[in-house]
């Protein structure tokens, strides 16, 4: 039995002005935070705990162009508990920039 490829395109949908994925994409290397909606539209991600707990990726903007972007404190952010008012911590791709946010809030305006 063959399983379908595990790519972002297979399980991609648009919600709240950003893309979400039900599974991780290919191209993410190293030990990176396993959760985060950034995985659907970012590639070639690298995580470096010793460099300020930094996650760096090539992330796609709304025009389809990729941008190299980093966010510090990635693992620490994703390790925080969920909040009943704003949701769980998330790292999102907001128009080509990695951003710390919460699952109910989405990208900042």
PDB file of N, CA and C in Angstrom:
ATOM      1  N   UNK A   1       0.842  -1.175   0.000  1.00  0.00           N
ATOM      2  CA  UNK A   1       0.000   0.000   0.000  1.00  0.00           C
ATOM      3  C   UNK A   1       0.886   1.237   0.000  1.00  0.00           C
ATOM      4  N   UNK A   2       0.620   2.154  -0.918  1.00  0.00           N
ATOM      5  CA  UNK A   2       1.367   3.413  -0.964  1.00  0.00           C
ATOM      6  C   UNK A   2       0.524   4.527  -0.379  1.00  0.00           C
ATOM      7  N   UNK A   3       1.169   5.346   0.413  1.00  0.00           N
ATOM      8  CA  UNK A   3       0.503   6.517   0.969  1.00  0.00           C
ATOM      9  C   UNK A   3       0.754   7.719   0.078  1.00  0.00           C
ATOM     10  N   UNK A   4      -0.156   8.676   0.038  1.00  0.00           N
ATOM     11  CA  UNK A   4       0.078   9.878  -0.755  1.00  0.00           C
ATOM     12  C   UNK A   4       1.236  10.672  -0.167  1.00  0.00           C
ATOM     13  N   UNK A   5       1.900  11.494  -0.988  1.00  0.00           N
ATOM     14  CA  UNK A   5       3.017  12.292  -0.476  1.00  0.00           C
ATOM     15  C   UNK A   5       2.555  13.261   0.602  1.00  0.00           C
ATOM     16  N   UNK A   6       3.422  13.492   1.580  1.00  0.00           N
ATOM     17  CA  UNK A   6       3.100  14.398   2.689  1.00  0.00           C
ATOM     18  C   UNK A   6       3.634  15.786   2.361  1.00  0.00           C
ATOM     19  N   UNK A   7       2.848  16.548   1.633  1.00  0.00           N
ATOM     20  CA  UNK A   7       3.260  17.893   1.252  1.00  0.00           C
ATOM     21  C   UNK A   7       2.214  18.897   1.716  1.00  0.00           C
ATOM     22  N   UNK A   8       2.621  20.152   1.750  1.00  0.00           N
ATOM     23  CA  UNK A   8       1.692  21.200   2.176  1.00  0.00           C
ATOM     24  C   UNK A   8       0.523  21.329   1.208  1.00  0.00           C
ATOM     25  N   UNK A   9       0.787  21.101  -0.082  1.00  0.00           N
ATOM     26  CA  UNK A   9      -0.265  21.277  -1.084  1.00  0.00           C
ATOM     27  C   UNK A   9      -1.411  20.299  -0.885  1.00  0.00           C
ATOM     28  N   UNK A  10      -1.102  19.120  -0.332  1.00  0.00           N
ATOM     29  CA  UNK A  10      -2.133  18.106  -0.140  1.00  0.00           C
ATOM     30  C   UNK A  10      -3.171  18.560   0.877  1.00  0.00           C
ATOM     31  N   UNK A  11      -2.739  19.224   1.940  1.00  0.00           N
ATOM     32  CA  UNK A  11      -3.667  19.548   3.019  1.00  0.00           C
ATOM     33  C   UNK A  11      -3.733  21.043   3.312  1.00  0.00           C
ATOM     34  N   UNK A  12      -3.632  21.836   2.277  1.00  0.00           N
ATOM     35  CA  UNK A  12      -3.557  23.280   2.466  1.00  0.00           C
ATOM     36  C   UNK A  12      -4.939  23.914   2.349  1.00  0.00           C
ATOM     37  N   UNK A  13      -5.241  24.811   3.230  1.00  0.00           N
ATOM     38  CA  UNK A  13      -6.429  25.630   3.094  1.00  0.00           C
ATOM     39  C   UNK A  13      -6.144  26.991   3.688  1.00  0.00           C
ATOM     40  N   UNK A  14      -6.890  27.988   3.256  1.00  0.00           N
ATOM     41  CA  UNK A  14      -6.649  29.351   3.706  1.00  0.00           C
ATOM     42  C   UNK A  14      -7.665  29.712   4.784  1.00  0.00           C
ATOM     43  N   UNK A  15      -7.146  30.310   5.863  1.00  0.00           N
ATOM     44  CA  UNK A  15      -8.009  30.677   6.973  1.00  0.00           C
ATOM     45  C   UNK A  15      -7.441  31.906   7.659  1.00  0.00           C
ATOM     46  N   UNK A  16      -8.252  32.888   7.887  1.00  0.00           N
ATOM     47  CA  UNK A  16      -7.855  34.093   8.616  1.00  0.00           C
ATOM     48  C   UNK A  16      -6.664  34.810   8.000  1.00  0.00           C
ATOM     49  N   UNK A  17      -6.540  34.796   6.693  1.00  0.00           N
ATOM     50  CA  UNK A  17      -5.467  35.533   6.037  1.00  0.00           C
ATOM     51  C   UNK A  17      -4.118  34.860   6.102  1.00  0.00           C
ATOM     52  N   UNK A  18      -4.057  33.605   6.532  1.00  0.00           N
ATOM     53  CA  UNK A  18      -2.799  32.875   6.538  1.00  0.00           C
ATOM     54  C   UNK A  18      -3.100  31.426   6.208  1.00  0.00           C
ATOM     55  N   UNK A  19      -2.094  30.694   5.827  1.00  0.00           N
ATOM     56  CA  UNK A  19      -2.282  29.313   5.434  1.00  0.00           C
ATOM     57  C   UNK A  19      -2.034  28.379   6.604  1.00  0.00           C
ATOM     58  N   UNK A  20      -2.790  27.295   6.631  1.00  0.00           N
ATOM     59  CA  UNK A  20      -2.632  26.284   7.667  1.00  0.00           C
ATOM     60  C   UNK A  20      -2.420  24.933   6.990  1.00  0.00           C
ATOM     61  N   UNK A  21      -1.796  24.022   7.701  1.00  0.00           N
ATOM     62  CA  UNK A  21      -1.568  22.680   7.192  1.00  0.00           C
ATOM     63  C   UNK A  21      -1.882  21.674   8.281  1.00  0.00           C
ATOM     64  N   UNK A  22      -2.431  20.534   7.898  1.00  0.00           N
ATOM     65  CA  UNK A  22      -2.706  19.518   8.896  1.00  0.00           C
ATOM     66  C   UNK A  22      -1.491  18.637   9.145  1.00  0.00           C
ATOM     67  N   UNK A  23      -0.444  18.794   8.350  1.00  0.00           N
ATOM     68  CA  UNK A  23       0.758  17.998   8.550  1.00  0.00           C
ATOM     69  C   UNK A  23       1.992  18.769   8.179  1.00  0.00           C
ATOM     70  N   UNK A  24       3.169  18.326   8.640  1.00  0.00           N
ATOM     71  CA  UNK A  24       4.406  19.042   8.328  1.00  0.00           C
ATOM     72  C   UNK A  24       4.794  18.889   6.866  1.00  0.00           C
ATOM     73  N   UNK A  25       5.510  19.863   6.350  1.00  0.00           N
ATOM     74  CA  UNK A  25       5.953  19.828   4.968  1.00  0.00           C
ATOM     75  C   UNK A  25       7.339  19.240   4.883  1.00  0.00           C
ATOM     76  N   UNK A  26       7.719  18.828   3.697  1.00  0.00           N
ATOM     77  CA  UNK A  26       9.087  18.392   3.443  1.00  0.00           C
ATOM     78  C   UNK A  26       9.979  19.623   3.410  1.00  0.00           C
ATOM     79  N   UNK A  27      11.253  19.445   3.609  1.00  0.00           N
ATOM     80  CA  UNK A  27      12.184  20.557   3.515  1.00  0.00           C
ATOM     81  C   UNK A  27      12.498  21.203   4.845  1.00  0.00           C
ATOM     82  N   UNK A  28      11.918  20.736   5.921  1.00  0.00           N
ATOM     83  CA  UNK A  28      12.229  21.270   7.240  1.00  0.00           C
ATOM     84  C   UNK A  28      13.284  20.360   7.838  1.00  0.00           C
ATOM     85  N   UNK A  29      14.423  20.936   8.201  1.00  0.00           N
ATOM     86  CA  UNK A  29      15.507  20.097   8.696  1.00  0.00           C
ATOM     87  C   UNK A  29      15.850  20.451  10.123  1.00  0.00           C
ATOM     88  N   UNK A  30      16.520  19.522  10.797  1.00  0.00           N
ATOM     89  CA  UNK A  30      16.920  19.754  12.171  1.00  0.00           C
ATOM     90  C   UNK A  30      15.742  19.578  13.105  1.00  0.00           C
ATOM     91  N   UNK A  31      15.964  19.871  14.355  1.00  0.00           N
ATOM     92  CA  UNK A  31      14.901  19.774  15.349  1.00  0.00           C
ATOM     93  C   UNK A  31      14.223  21.126  15.414  1.00  0.00           C
ATOM     94  N   UNK A  32      13.058  21.231  14.814  1.00  0.00           N
ATOM     95  CA  UNK A  32      12.314  22.490  14.802  1.00  0.00           C
ATOM     96  C   UNK A  32      11.033  22.294  15.590  1.00  0.00           C
ATOM     97  N   UNK A  33      10.418  23.375  16.053  1.00  0.00           N
ATOM     98  CA  UNK A  33       9.119  23.213  16.712  1.00  0.00           C
ATOM     99  C   UNK A  33       8.170  22.448  15.802  1.00  0.00           C
ATOM    100  N   UNK A  34       7.560  21.394  16.323  1.00  0.00           N
ATOM    101  CA  UNK A  34       6.755  20.505  15.486  1.00  0.00           C
ATOM    102  C   UNK A  34       5.398  21.085  15.134  1.00  0.00           C
ATOM    103  N   UNK A  35       5.006  22.147  15.803  1.00  0.00           N
ATOM    104  CA  UNK A  35       3.727  22.774  15.515  1.00  0.00           C
ATOM    105  C   UNK A  35       3.959  24.150  14.932  1.00  0.00           C
ATOM    106  N   UNK A  36       2.963  24.705  14.327  1.00  0.00           N
ATOM    107  CA  UNK A  36       3.058  26.047  13.782  1.00  0.00           C
ATOM    108  C   UNK A  36       2.525  26.072  12.368  1.00  0.00           C
ATOM    109  N   UNK A  37       1.695  27.035  12.078  1.00  0.00           N
ATOM    110  CA  UNK A  37       1.100  27.119  10.750  1.00  0.00           C
ATOM    111  C   UNK A  37       2.098  27.563   9.695  1.00  0.00           C
ATOM    112  N   UNK A  38       3.284  28.040  10.097  1.00  0.00           N
ATOM    113  CA  UNK A  38       4.312  28.423   9.144  1.00  0.00           C
ATOM    114  C   UNK A  38       4.692  27.271   8.230  1.00  0.00           C
ATOM    115  N   UNK A  39       4.516  26.035   8.678  1.00  0.00           N
ATOM    116  CA  UNK A  39       4.957  24.867   7.926  1.00  0.00           C
ATOM    117  C   UNK A  39       4.278  24.740   6.570  1.00  0.00           C
ATOM    118  N   UNK A  40       3.111  25.308   6.408  1.00  0.00           N
ATOM    119  CA  UNK A  40       2.375  25.173   5.153  1.00  0.00           C
ATOM    120  C   UNK A  40       2.963  26.012   4.027  1.00  0.00           C
ATOM    121  N   UNK A  41       3.573  27.145   4.320  1.00  0.00           N
ATOM    122  CA  UNK A  41       4.049  28.043   3.258  1.00  0.00           C
ATOM    123  C   UNK A  41       5.505  28.458   3.428  1.00  0.00           C
ATOM    124  N   UNK A  42       6.248  27.746   4.259  1.00  0.00           N
ATOM    125  CA  UNK A  42       7.671  28.021   4.420  1.00  0.00           C
ATOM    126  C   UNK A  42       8.466  26.760   4.096  1.00  0.00           C
ATOM    127  N   UNK A  43       9.671  26.944   3.586  1.00  0.00           N
ATOM    128  CA  UNK A  43      10.526  25.824   3.213  1.00  0.00           C
ATOM    129  C   UNK A  43      11.941  26.072   3.722  1.00  0.00           C
ATOM    130  N   UNK A  44      12.752  25.036   3.642  1.00  0.00           N
ATOM    131  CA  UNK A  44      14.169  25.117   4.018  1.00  0.00           C
ATOM    132  C   UNK A  44      14.346  25.720   5.407  1.00  0.00           C
ATOM    133  N   UNK A  45      13.562  25.251   6.357  1.00  0.00           N
ATOM    134  CA  UNK A  45      13.623  25.786   7.716  1.00  0.00           C
ATOM    135  C   UNK A  45      14.799  25.197   8.482  1.00  0.00           C
ATOM    136  N   UNK A  46      15.439  26.046   9.242  1.00  0.00           N
ATOM    137  CA  UNK A  46      16.566  25.650  10.087  1.00  0.00           C
ATOM    138  C   UNK A  46      16.306  26.186  11.487  1.00  0.00           C
ATOM    139  N   UNK A  47      16.581  25.365  12.488  1.00  0.00           N
ATOM    140  CA  UNK A  47      16.404  25.768  13.871  1.00  0.00           C
ATOM    141  C   UNK A  47      17.754  25.726  14.564  1.00  0.00           C
ATOM    142  N   UNK A  48      18.061  26.775  15.335  1.00  0.00           N
ATOM    143  CA  UNK A  48      19.315  26.842  16.071  1.00  0.00           C
ATOM    144  C   UNK A  48      19.022  27.313  17.494  1.00  0.00           C
ATOM    145  N   UNK A  49      19.056  26.379  18.422  1.00  0.00           N
ATOM    146  CA  UNK A  49      18.791  26.723  19.814  1.00  0.00           C
ATOM    147  C   UNK A  49      19.831  27.694  20.349  1.00  0.00           C
ATOM    148  N   UNK A  50      21.088  27.522  19.956  1.00  0.00           N
ATOM    149  CA  UNK A  50      22.181  28.328  20.498  1.00  0.00           C
ATOM    150  C   UNK A  50      22.185  29.742  19.947  1.00  0.00           C
ATOM    151  N   UNK A  51      21.489  30.007  18.889  1.00  0.00           N
ATOM    152  CA  UNK A  51      21.388  31.364  18.320  1.00  0.00           C
ATOM    153  C   UNK A  51      20.043  31.958  18.714  1.00  0.00           C
ATOM    154  N   UNK A  52      19.865  32.203  19.993  1.00  0.00           N
ATOM    155  CA  UNK A  52      18.645  32.812  20.531  1.00  0.00           C
ATOM    156  C   UNK A  52      17.396  31.983  20.265  1.00  0.00           C
ATOM    157  N   UNK A  53      17.547  30.613  20.220  1.00  0.00           N
ATOM    158  CA  UNK A  53      16.377  29.762  20.010  1.00  0.00           C
ATOM    159  C   UNK A  53      15.681  30.192  18.715  1.00  0.00           C
ATOM    160  N   UNK A  54      16.463  30.314  17.647  1.00  0.00           N
ATOM    161  CA  UNK A  54      16.011  30.960  16.414  1.00  0.00           C
ATOM    162  C   UNK A  54      15.553  29.954  15.359  1.00  0.00           C
ATOM    163  N   UNK A  55      14.416  30.256  14.745  1.00  0.00           N
ATOM    164  CA  UNK A  55      13.892  29.495  13.620  1.00  0.00           C
ATOM    165  C   UNK A  55      13.974  30.389  12.390  1.00  0.00           C
ATOM    166  N   UNK A  56      14.623  29.905  11.333  1.00  0.00           N
ATOM    167  CA  UNK A  56      14.748  30.662  10.079  1.00  0.00           C
ATOM    168  C   UNK A  56      14.206  29.826   8.930  1.00  0.00           C
ATOM    169  N   UNK A  57      13.489  30.463   8.017  1.00  0.00           N
ATOM    170  CA  UNK A  57      12.881  29.768   6.882  1.00  0.00           C
ATOM    171  C   UNK A  57      12.849  30.689   5.661  1.00  0.00           C
ATOM    172  N   UNK A  58      12.565  30.090   4.535  1.00  0.00           N
ATOM    173  CA  UNK A  58      12.195  30.815   3.331  1.00  0.00           C
ATOM    174  C   UNK A  58      10.671  30.760   3.290  1.00  0.00           C
ATOM    175  N   UNK A  59      10.015  31.908   3.477  1.00  0.00           N
ATOM    176  CA  UNK A  59       8.551  31.932   3.561  1.00  0.00           C
ATOM    177  C   UNK A  59       7.937  32.708   2.407  1.00  0.00           C
ATOM    178  N   UNK A  60       6.832  32.188   1.921  1.00  0.00           N
ATOM    179  CA  UNK A  60       6.151  32.756   0.764  1.00  0.00           C
ATOM    180  C   UNK A  60       5.228  33.895   1.173  1.00  0.00           C
ATOM    181  N   UNK A  61       5.246  34.982   0.381  1.00  0.00           N
ATOM    182  CA  UNK A  61       4.309  36.081   0.626  1.00  0.00           C
ATOM    183  C   UNK A  61       3.064  35.898  -0.247  1.00  0.00           C
ATOM    184  N   UNK A  62       2.127  36.847  -0.183  1.00  0.00           N
ATOM    185  CA  UNK A  62       0.867  36.711  -0.927  1.00  0.00           C
ATOM    186  C   UNK A  62       1.052  36.757  -2.435  1.00  0.00           C
ATOM    187  N   UNK A  63       2.210  37.214  -2.907  1.00  0.00           N
ATOM    188  CA  UNK A  63       2.491  37.268  -4.344  1.00  0.00           C
ATOM    189  C   UNK A  63       3.259  36.045  -4.821  1.00  0.00           C
ATOM    190  N   UNK A  64       3.570  35.117  -3.906  1.00  0.00           N
ATOM    191  CA  UNK A  64       4.288  33.908  -4.273  1.00  0.00           C
ATOM    192  C   UNK A  64       5.803  34.045  -4.216  1.00  0.00           C
ATOM    193  N   UNK A  65       6.299  35.183  -3.744  1.00  0.00           N
ATOM    194  CA  UNK A  65       7.740  35.385  -3.615  1.00  0.00           C
ATOM    195  C   UNK A  65       8.199  34.875  -2.256  1.00  0.00           C
ATOM    196  N   UNK A  66       9.402  34.299  -2.232  1.00  0.00           N
ATOM    197  CA  UNK A  66       9.958  33.793  -0.984  1.00  0.00           C
ATOM    198  C   UNK A  66      10.881  34.820  -0.341  1.00  0.00           C
ATOM    199  N   UNK A  67      10.853  34.872   0.989  1.00  0.00           N
ATOM    200  CA  UNK A  67      11.692  35.784   1.769  1.00  0.00           C
ATOM    201  C   UNK A  67      12.383  34.984   2.859  1.00  0.00           C
ATOM    202  N   UNK A  68      13.662  35.266   3.095  1.00  0.00           N
ATOM    203  CA  UNK A  68      14.384  34.653   4.197  1.00  0.00           C
ATOM    204  C   UNK A  68      13.998  35.413   5.459  1.00  0.00           C
ATOM    205  N   UNK A  69      13.485  34.708   6.452  1.00  0.00           N
ATOM    206  CA  UNK A  69      12.988  35.348   7.661  1.00  0.00           C
ATOM    207  C   UNK A  69      13.312  34.488   8.876  1.00  0.00           C
ATOM    208  N   UNK A  70      13.551  35.134   9.999  1.00  0.00           N
ATOM    209  CA  UNK A  70      13.876  34.433  11.254  1.00  0.00           C
ATOM    210  C   UNK A  70      13.020  34.983  12.385  1.00  0.00           C
ATOM    211  N   UNK A  71      12.808  34.141  13.378  1.00  0.00           N
ATOM    212  CA  UNK A  71      12.135  34.581  14.594  1.00  0.00           C
ATOM    213  C   UNK A  71      12.873  33.986  15.788  1.00  0.00           C
ATOM    214  N   UNK A  72      13.246  34.818  16.759  1.00  0.00           N
ATOM    215  CA  UNK A  72      13.912  34.296  17.949  1.00  0.00           C
ATOM    216  C   UNK A  72      12.898  33.718  18.931  1.00  0.00           C
ATOM    217  N   UNK A  73      13.375  32.869  19.830  1.00  0.00           N
ATOM    218  CA  UNK A  73      12.517  32.331  20.880  1.00  0.00           C
ATOM    219  C   UNK A  73      11.458  31.373  20.385  1.00  0.00           C
ATOM    220  N   UNK A  74      11.725  30.660  19.298  1.00  0.00           N
ATOM    221  CA  UNK A  74      10.708  29.820  18.671  1.00  0.00           C
ATOM    222  C   UNK A  74      10.248  28.678  19.572  1.00  0.00           C
ATOM    223  N   UNK A  75      11.165  27.913  20.076  1.00  0.00           N
ATOM    224  CA  UNK A  75      10.776  26.762  20.899  1.00  0.00           C
ATOM    225  C   UNK A  75      10.168  27.218  22.218  1.00  0.00           C
ATOM    226  N   UNK A  76      10.759  28.240  22.812  1.00  0.00           N
ATOM    227  CA  UNK A  76      10.213  28.769  24.066  1.00  0.00           C
ATOM    228  C   UNK A  76       8.785  29.272  23.871  1.00  0.00           C
ATOM    229  N   UNK A  77       8.519  29.932  22.747  1.00  0.00           N
ATOM    230  CA  UNK A  77       7.177  30.438  22.452  1.00  0.00           C
ATOM    231  C   UNK A  77       6.180  29.292  22.322  1.00  0.00           C
ATOM    232  N   UNK A  78       6.558  28.261  21.552  1.00  0.00           N
ATOM    233  CA  UNK A  78       5.643  27.154  21.296  1.00  0.00           C
ATOM    234  C   UNK A  78       5.438  26.280  22.538  1.00  0.00           C
ATOM    235  N   UNK A  79       6.311  26.408  23.537  1.00  0.00           N
ATOM    236  CA  UNK A  79       6.202  25.615  24.762  1.00  0.00           C
ATOM    237  C   UNK A  79       5.249  26.231  25.786  1.00  0.00           C
ATOM    238  N   UNK A  80       4.749  27.422  25.514  1.00  0.00           N
ATOM    239  CA  UNK A  80       3.831  28.080  26.453  1.00  0.00           C
ATOM    240  C   UNK A  80       2.476  27.377  26.450  1.00  0.00           C
ATOM    241  N   UNK A  81       1.736  27.452  27.556  1.00  0.00           N
ATOM    242  CA  UNK A  81       0.413  26.826  27.593  1.00  0.00           C
ATOM    243  C   UNK A  81      -0.608  27.607  26.761  1.00  0.00           C
ATOM    244  N   UNK A  82      -1.659  26.922  26.393  1.00  0.00           N
ATOM    245  CA  UNK A  82      -2.753  27.563  25.664  1.00  0.00           C
ATOM    246  C   UNK A  82      -3.525  28.488  26.609  1.00  0.00           C
ATOM    247  N   UNK A  83      -4.185  29.469  26.010  1.00  0.00           N
ATOM    248  CA  UNK A  83      -4.976  30.443  26.745  1.00  0.00           C
ATOM    249  C   UNK A  83      -6.413  30.351  26.234  1.00  0.00           C
ATOM    250  N   UNK A  84      -7.407  30.258  27.100  1.00  0.00           N
ATOM    251  CA  UNK A  84      -8.787  30.097  26.618  1.00  0.00           C
ATOM    252  C   UNK A  84      -9.302  31.286  25.816  1.00  0.00           C
ATOM    253  N   UNK A  85      -8.675  32.446  25.931  1.00  0.00           N
ATOM    254  CA  UNK A  85      -9.164  33.626  25.229  1.00  0.00           C
ATOM    255  C   UNK A  85      -8.499  33.850  23.870  1.00  0.00           C
ATOM    256  N   UNK A  86      -7.216  33.498  23.753  1.00  0.00           N
ATOM    257  CA  UNK A  86      -6.503  33.771  22.492  1.00  0.00           C
ATOM    258  C   UNK A  86      -6.011  32.507  21.807  1.00  0.00           C
ATOM    259  N   UNK A  87      -6.158  31.352  22.424  1.00  0.00           N
ATOM    260  CA  UNK A  87      -5.764  30.093  21.809  1.00  0.00           C
ATOM    261  C   UNK A  87      -4.369  29.663  22.214  1.00  0.00           C
ATOM    262  N   UNK A  88      -3.778  28.822  21.402  1.00  0.00           N
ATOM    263  CA  UNK A  88      -2.456  28.270  21.681  1.00  0.00           C
ATOM    264  C   UNK A  88      -1.382  29.065  20.947  1.00  0.00           C
ATOM    265  N   UNK A  89      -0.159  29.064  21.476  1.00  0.00           N
ATOM    266  CA  UNK A  89       0.930  29.751  20.776  1.00  0.00           C
ATOM    267  C   UNK A  89       1.113  29.176  19.375  1.00  0.00           C
ATOM    268  N   UNK A  90       1.439  30.026  18.440  1.00  0.00           N
ATOM    269  CA  UNK A  90       1.626  29.633  17.043  1.00  0.00           C
ATOM    270  C   UNK A  90       2.761  30.447  16.461  1.00  0.00           C
ATOM    271  N   UNK A  91       3.463  29.864  15.526  1.00  0.00           N
ATOM    272  CA  UNK A  91       4.406  30.609  14.695  1.00  0.00           C
ATOM    273  C   UNK A  91       3.792  30.598  13.305  1.00  0.00           C
ATOM    274  N   UNK A  92       3.479  31.761  12.800  1.00  0.00           N
ATOM    275  CA  UNK A  92       2.769  31.881  11.530  1.00  0.00           C
ATOM    276  C   UNK A  92       3.623  32.592  10.494  1.00  0.00           C
ATOM    277  N   UNK A  93       3.347  32.293   9.237  1.00  0.00           N
ATOM    278  CA  UNK A  93       3.921  33.041   8.128  1.00  0.00           C
ATOM    279  C   UNK A  93       2.940  34.157   7.804  1.00  0.00           C
ATOM    280  N   UNK A  94       3.305  35.379   8.132  1.00  0.00           N
ATOM    281  CA  UNK A  94       2.453  36.539   7.871  1.00  0.00           C
ATOM    282  C   UNK A  94       3.054  37.326   6.717  1.00  0.00           C
ATOM    283  N   UNK A  95       2.619  36.985   5.522  1.00  0.00           N
ATOM    284  CA  UNK A  95       3.066  37.650   4.300  1.00  0.00           C
ATOM    285  C   UNK A  95       4.588  37.630   4.160  1.00  0.00           C
ATOM    286  N   UNK A  96       5.190  36.472   4.372  1.00  0.00           N
ATOM    287  CA  UNK A  96       6.622  36.316   4.165  1.00  0.00           C
ATOM    288  C   UNK A  96       7.477  36.565   5.387  1.00  0.00           C
ATOM    289  N   UNK A  97       6.857  36.775   6.549  1.00  0.00           N
ATOM    290  CA  UNK A  97       7.595  37.021   7.794  1.00  0.00           C
ATOM    291  C   UNK A  97       7.117  36.055   8.872  1.00  0.00           C
ATOM    292  N   UNK A  98       8.056  35.370   9.523  1.00  0.00           N
ATOM    293  CA  UNK A  98       7.692  34.519  10.650  1.00  0.00           C
ATOM    294  C   UNK A  98       7.285  35.409  11.824  1.00  0.00           C
ATOM    295  N   UNK A  99       6.171  35.092  12.447  1.00  0.00           N
ATOM    296  CA  UNK A  99       5.616  35.920  13.507  1.00  0.00           C
ATOM    297  C   UNK A  99       5.099  35.046  14.642  1.00  0.00           C
ATOM    298  N   UNK A 100       5.327  35.461  15.881  1.00  0.00           N
ATOM    299  CA  UNK A 100       4.725  34.800  17.036  1.00  0.00           C
ATOM    300  C   UNK A 100       3.304  35.326  17.171  1.00  0.00           C
ATOM    301  N   UNK A 101       2.355  34.411  17.312  1.00  0.00           N
ATOM    302  CA  UNK A 101       0.956  34.803  17.462  1.00  0.00           C
ATOM    303  C   UNK A 101       0.241  33.715  18.250  1.00  0.00           C
ATOM    304  N   UNK A 102      -1.060  33.802  18.317  1.00  0.00           N
ATOM    305  CA  UNK A 102      -1.883  32.775  18.946  1.00  0.00           C
ATOM    306  C   UNK A 102      -2.880  32.246  17.924  1.00  0.00           C
ATOM    307  N   UNK A 103      -3.301  30.994  18.118  1.00  0.00           N
ATOM    308  CA  UNK A 103      -4.143  30.332  17.123  1.00  0.00           C
ATOM    309  C   UNK A 103      -5.463  31.050  16.858  1.00  0.00           C
ATOM    310  N   UNK A 104      -6.042  31.725  17.837  1.00  0.00           N
ATOM    311  CA  UNK A 104      -7.295  32.441  17.599  1.00  0.00           C
ATOM    312  C   UNK A 104      -7.091  33.826  16.998  1.00  0.00           C
ATOM    313  N   UNK A 105      -5.879  34.345  17.069  1.00  0.00           N
ATOM    314  CA  UNK A 105      -5.628  35.718  16.630  1.00  0.00           C
ATOM    315  C   UNK A 105      -5.156  35.827  15.185  1.00  0.00           C
ATOM    316  N   UNK A 106      -4.338  34.897  14.737  1.00  0.00           N
ATOM    317  CA  UNK A 106      -3.801  34.980  13.386  1.00  0.00           C
ATOM    318  C   UNK A 106      -2.728  36.043  13.270  1.00  0.00           C
ATOM    319  N   UNK A 107      -2.516  36.518  12.062  1.00  0.00           N
ATOM    320  CA  UNK A 107      -1.477  37.504  11.807  1.00  0.00           C
ATOM    321  C   UNK A 107      -1.915  38.883  12.292  1.00  0.00           C
ATOM    322  N   UNK A 108      -0.957  39.631  12.882  1.00  0.00           N
ATOM    323  CA  UNK A 108      -1.299  41.000  13.269  1.00  0.00           C
ATOM    324  C   UNK A 108      -1.546  41.853  12.036  1.00  0.00           C
ATOM    325  N   UNK A 109      -2.365  42.854  12.171  1.00  0.00           N
ATOM    326  CA  UNK A 109      -2.696  43.718  11.021  1.00  0.00           C
ATOM    327  C   UNK A 109      -1.599  44.726  10.830  1.00  0.00           C
TER     328      UNK A 109
END
